[in-house]
Amino acid sequence: METFKNPPITEAIIDIQAVLSQDTDLATLKNFQAGLETRFLQRHDRIGFQQTFQVKAGGGPPAVSSFIVVDGFRQLASVW
């Protein structure tokens, strides 16, 4: 790999996002990452927060449910 005397930057962020099929789950993503540990040294869970409100037509208090879910991963790559 070529090394520059005065490199323009020391690090960069590349954000790649994809729309996955319904049958793709976190286990599939982990399997994909399994062969890349030397390039992507750190994998962090991406945590999502979901909240649902349900209002009854006849009145009464609304039902609220909240939960946290792991919905993907963030990878940190090593290019050195």
N, C-alpha and C. Protein backbone atom coordinates (compact mmCIF):
# COMPACT_ATOMS: atom_id res chain seq x y z
N MET A 1 0.84 -1.17 0.00
CA MET A 1 0.00 0.00 0.00
C MET A 1 0.89 1.24 0.00
N GLU A 2 0.54 2.21 -0.82
CA GLU A 2 1.34 3.43 -0.94
C GLU A 2 1.12 4.32 0.27
N THR A 3 2.20 4.91 0.78
CA THR A 3 2.12 5.84 1.90
C THR A 3 2.50 7.23 1.39
N PHE A 4 1.68 8.22 1.66
CA PHE A 4 1.92 9.57 1.21
C PHE A 4 2.68 10.36 2.28
N LYS A 5 3.57 11.26 1.83
CA LYS A 5 4.35 12.08 2.75
C LYS A 5 3.44 12.99 3.58
N ASN A 6 2.47 13.62 2.96
CA ASN A 6 1.50 14.50 3.63
C ASN A 6 0.10 14.03 3.28
N PRO A 7 -0.37 12.98 3.93
CA PRO A 7 -1.69 12.47 3.56
C PRO A 7 -2.79 13.50 3.82
N PRO A 8 -3.79 13.55 2.95
CA PRO A 8 -4.86 14.55 3.10
C PRO A 8 -5.77 14.29 4.31
N ILE A 9 -5.94 13.03 4.69
CA ILE A 9 -6.76 12.70 5.85
C ILE A 9 -6.12 11.54 6.60
N THR A 10 -6.48 11.40 7.86
CA THR A 10 -5.95 10.27 8.63
C THR A 10 -6.99 9.20 8.86
N GLU A 11 -8.25 9.53 8.68
CA GLU A 11 -9.30 8.52 8.79
C GLU A 11 -10.52 8.97 8.01
N ALA A 12 -11.40 8.03 7.72
CA ALA A 12 -12.62 8.33 6.97
C ALA A 12 -13.74 7.43 7.44
N ILE A 13 -14.94 7.87 7.24
CA ILE A 13 -16.12 7.07 7.57
C ILE A 13 -16.86 6.77 6.27
N ILE A 14 -17.16 5.51 6.08
CA ILE A 14 -17.96 5.08 4.93
C ILE A 14 -19.21 4.43 5.48
N ASP A 15 -20.35 4.95 5.12
CA ASP A 15 -21.63 4.44 5.62
C ASP A 15 -22.33 3.71 4.48
N ILE A 16 -22.45 2.39 4.63
CA ILE A 16 -23.12 1.59 3.61
C ILE A 16 -24.39 1.02 4.24
N GLN A 17 -25.50 1.29 3.63
CA GLN A 17 -26.78 0.80 4.13
C GLN A 17 -27.46 0.01 3.02
N ALA A 18 -28.23 -0.99 3.42
CA ALA A 18 -28.91 -1.83 2.44
C ALA A 18 -30.30 -2.20 2.96
N VAL A 19 -31.20 -2.41 2.05
CA VAL A 19 -32.51 -2.94 2.38
C VAL A 19 -32.43 -4.44 2.19
N LEU A 20 -32.61 -5.17 3.28
CA LEU A 20 -32.47 -6.63 3.24
C LEU A 20 -33.83 -7.29 3.09
N SER A 21 -33.81 -8.51 2.59
CA SER A 21 -35.06 -9.25 2.46
C SER A 21 -35.59 -9.63 3.84
N GLN A 22 -36.86 -9.94 3.90
CA GLN A 22 -37.51 -10.27 5.17
C GLN A 22 -36.88 -11.47 5.87
N ASP A 23 -36.32 -12.41 5.12
CA ASP A 23 -35.76 -13.61 5.72
C ASP A 23 -34.31 -13.44 6.19
N THR A 24 -33.74 -12.23 6.04
CA THR A 24 -32.39 -11.97 6.53
C THR A 24 -32.49 -11.58 8.00
N ASP A 25 -31.81 -12.34 8.85
CA ASP A 25 -31.84 -12.05 10.28
C ASP A 25 -30.43 -11.73 10.77
N LEU A 26 -30.30 -11.44 12.06
CA LEU A 26 -29.01 -11.07 12.61
C LEU A 26 -28.00 -12.22 12.53
N ALA A 27 -28.46 -13.46 12.63
CA ALA A 27 -27.56 -14.60 12.50
C ALA A 27 -26.93 -14.63 11.11
N THR A 28 -27.68 -14.30 10.08
CA THR A 28 -27.15 -14.26 8.72
C THR A 28 -26.08 -13.18 8.60
N LEU A 29 -26.33 -12.02 9.21
CA LEU A 29 -25.34 -10.94 9.16
C LEU A 29 -24.08 -11.32 9.92
N LYS A 30 -24.23 -12.00 11.05
CA LYS A 30 -23.05 -12.45 11.81
C LYS A 30 -22.24 -13.45 10.99
N ASN A 31 -22.91 -14.35 10.28
CA ASN A 31 -22.20 -15.31 9.43
C ASN A 31 -21.44 -14.61 8.31
N PHE A 32 -22.02 -13.55 7.76
CA PHE A 32 -21.35 -12.78 6.72
C PHE A 32 -20.07 -12.15 7.26
N GLN A 33 -20.13 -11.67 8.49
CA GLN A 33 -18.99 -11.00 9.10
C GLN A 33 -17.92 -11.98 9.57
N ALA A 34 -18.25 -13.26 9.68
CA ALA A 34 -17.36 -14.26 10.26
C ALA A 34 -15.99 -14.33 9.58
N GLY A 35 -15.91 -14.13 8.30
CA GLY A 35 -14.63 -14.20 7.61
C GLY A 35 -13.90 -12.88 7.52
N LEU A 36 -14.44 -11.84 8.11
CA LEU A 36 -13.87 -10.50 7.96
C LEU A 36 -13.26 -9.94 9.25
N GLU A 37 -13.04 -10.78 10.26
CA GLU A 37 -12.58 -10.29 11.56
C GLU A 37 -11.25 -9.55 11.50
N THR A 38 -10.38 -9.94 10.56
CA THR A 38 -9.08 -9.27 10.49
C THR A 38 -9.18 -7.85 9.94
N ARG A 39 -10.19 -7.58 9.14
CA ARG A 39 -10.39 -6.24 8.58
C ARG A 39 -11.34 -5.40 9.41
N PHE A 40 -12.33 -6.05 10.01
CA PHE A 40 -13.32 -5.35 10.81
C PHE A 40 -13.19 -5.86 12.24
N LEU A 41 -12.34 -5.18 12.99
CA LEU A 41 -11.93 -5.68 14.30
C LEU A 41 -13.02 -5.56 15.36
N GLN A 42 -13.86 -4.59 15.22
CA GLN A 42 -14.88 -4.37 16.24
C GLN A 42 -16.27 -4.38 15.64
N ARG A 43 -17.15 -5.16 16.23
CA ARG A 43 -18.56 -5.16 15.82
C ARG A 43 -19.38 -4.72 17.01
N HIS A 44 -20.21 -3.72 16.81
CA HIS A 44 -21.07 -3.21 17.87
C HIS A 44 -22.52 -3.40 17.46
N ASP A 45 -23.34 -3.84 18.38
CA ASP A 45 -24.78 -3.97 18.11
C ASP A 45 -25.38 -2.59 17.87
N ARG A 46 -26.25 -2.51 16.89
CA ARG A 46 -27.03 -1.29 16.67
C ARG A 46 -28.35 -1.50 17.39
N ILE A 47 -28.63 -0.65 18.36
CA ILE A 47 -29.80 -0.78 19.21
C ILE A 47 -30.90 0.14 18.68
N GLY A 48 -32.08 -0.42 18.50
CA GLY A 48 -33.23 0.37 18.09
C GLY A 48 -34.27 0.40 19.20
N PHE A 49 -34.98 1.50 19.30
CA PHE A 49 -36.04 1.66 20.30
C PHE A 49 -37.36 1.73 19.55
N GLN A 50 -38.29 0.87 19.93
CA GLN A 50 -39.59 0.85 19.27
C GLN A 50 -40.69 1.08 20.31
N GLN A 51 -41.65 1.89 19.95
CA GLN A 51 -42.75 2.18 20.86
C GLN A 51 -44.06 2.12 20.07
N THR A 52 -45.07 1.49 20.67
CA THR A 52 -46.36 1.33 20.03
C THR A 52 -47.46 1.93 20.91
N PHE A 53 -48.35 2.68 20.29
CA PHE A 53 -49.51 3.24 20.98
C PHE A 53 -50.76 2.60 20.38
N GLN A 54 -51.67 2.16 21.23
CA GLN A 54 -52.92 1.59 20.75
C GLN A 54 -54.06 2.32 21.45
N VAL A 55 -54.93 2.92 20.64
CA VAL A 55 -56.07 3.67 21.17
C VAL A 55 -57.35 2.89 20.84
N LYS A 56 -58.20 2.71 21.85
CA LYS A 56 -59.46 1.99 21.64
C LYS A 56 -60.54 2.95 21.18
N ALA A 57 -61.33 2.51 20.21
CA ALA A 57 -62.38 3.36 19.65
C ALA A 57 -63.44 3.70 20.70
N GLY A 58 -63.71 2.80 21.66
CA GLY A 58 -64.73 3.04 22.67
C GLY A 58 -64.25 3.88 23.84
N GLY A 59 -63.05 4.35 23.81
CA GLY A 59 -62.50 5.14 24.91
C GLY A 59 -61.58 4.30 25.78
N GLY A 60 -61.25 4.83 26.91
CA GLY A 60 -60.33 4.15 27.81
C GLY A 60 -58.90 4.60 27.58
N PRO A 61 -58.04 4.21 28.47
CA PRO A 61 -56.64 4.65 28.34
C PRO A 61 -55.94 3.96 27.18
N PRO A 62 -55.03 4.65 26.54
CA PRO A 62 -54.28 4.03 25.45
C PRO A 62 -53.31 2.99 26.00
N ALA A 63 -53.06 1.96 25.22
CA ALA A 63 -52.06 0.95 25.58
C ALA A 63 -50.74 1.35 24.95
N VAL A 64 -49.72 1.38 25.76
CA VAL A 64 -48.39 1.77 25.29
C VAL A 64 -47.43 0.62 25.56
N SER A 65 -46.67 0.24 24.56
CA SER A 65 -45.62 -0.76 24.76
C SER A 65 -44.32 -0.24 24.15
N SER A 66 -43.24 -0.48 24.85
CA SER A 66 -41.92 -0.04 24.40
C SER A 66 -40.95 -1.19 24.56
N PHE A 67 -40.01 -1.29 23.64
CA PHE A 67 -38.95 -2.27 23.79
C PHE A 67 -37.74 -1.86 22.98
N ILE A 68 -36.62 -2.40 23.39
CA ILE A 68 -35.35 -2.16 22.72
C ILE A 68 -34.99 -3.43 21.97
N VAL A 69 -34.50 -3.26 20.75
CA VAL A 69 -34.17 -4.42 19.93
C VAL A 69 -32.84 -4.17 19.22
N VAL A 70 -32.04 -5.22 19.08
CA VAL A 70 -30.83 -5.14 18.26
C VAL A 70 -31.29 -5.34 16.82
N ASP A 71 -31.07 -4.32 15.98
CA ASP A 71 -31.57 -4.41 14.60
C ASP A 71 -30.47 -4.35 13.55
N GLY A 72 -29.23 -4.47 13.99
CA GLY A 72 -28.12 -4.47 13.04
C GLY A 72 -26.80 -4.35 13.77
N PHE A 73 -25.73 -4.04 13.01
CA PHE A 73 -24.40 -3.93 13.57
C PHE A 73 -23.69 -2.72 12.99
N ARG A 74 -22.74 -2.23 13.74
CA ARG A 74 -21.81 -1.21 13.25
C ARG A 74 -20.43 -1.86 13.26
N GLN A 75 -19.67 -1.66 12.21
CA GLN A 75 -18.35 -2.26 12.10
C GLN A 75 -17.30 -1.16 12.07
N LEU A 76 -16.19 -1.40 12.72
CA LEU A 76 -15.04 -0.52 12.64
C LEU A 76 -13.95 -1.27 11.88
N ALA A 77 -13.48 -0.67 10.81
CA ALA A 77 -12.50 -1.35 9.94
C ALA A 77 -11.10 -0.86 10.24
N SER A 78 -10.18 -1.74 10.06
CA SER A 78 -8.76 -1.40 10.16
C SER A 78 -8.18 -1.45 8.76
N VAL A 79 -7.58 -0.36 8.32
CA VAL A 79 -7.00 -0.33 6.97
C VAL A 79 -5.48 -0.38 7.02
N TRP A 80 -4.91 -0.48 8.16
CA TRP A 80 -3.44 -0.47 8.29
C TRP A 80 -2.90 -1.85 8.26
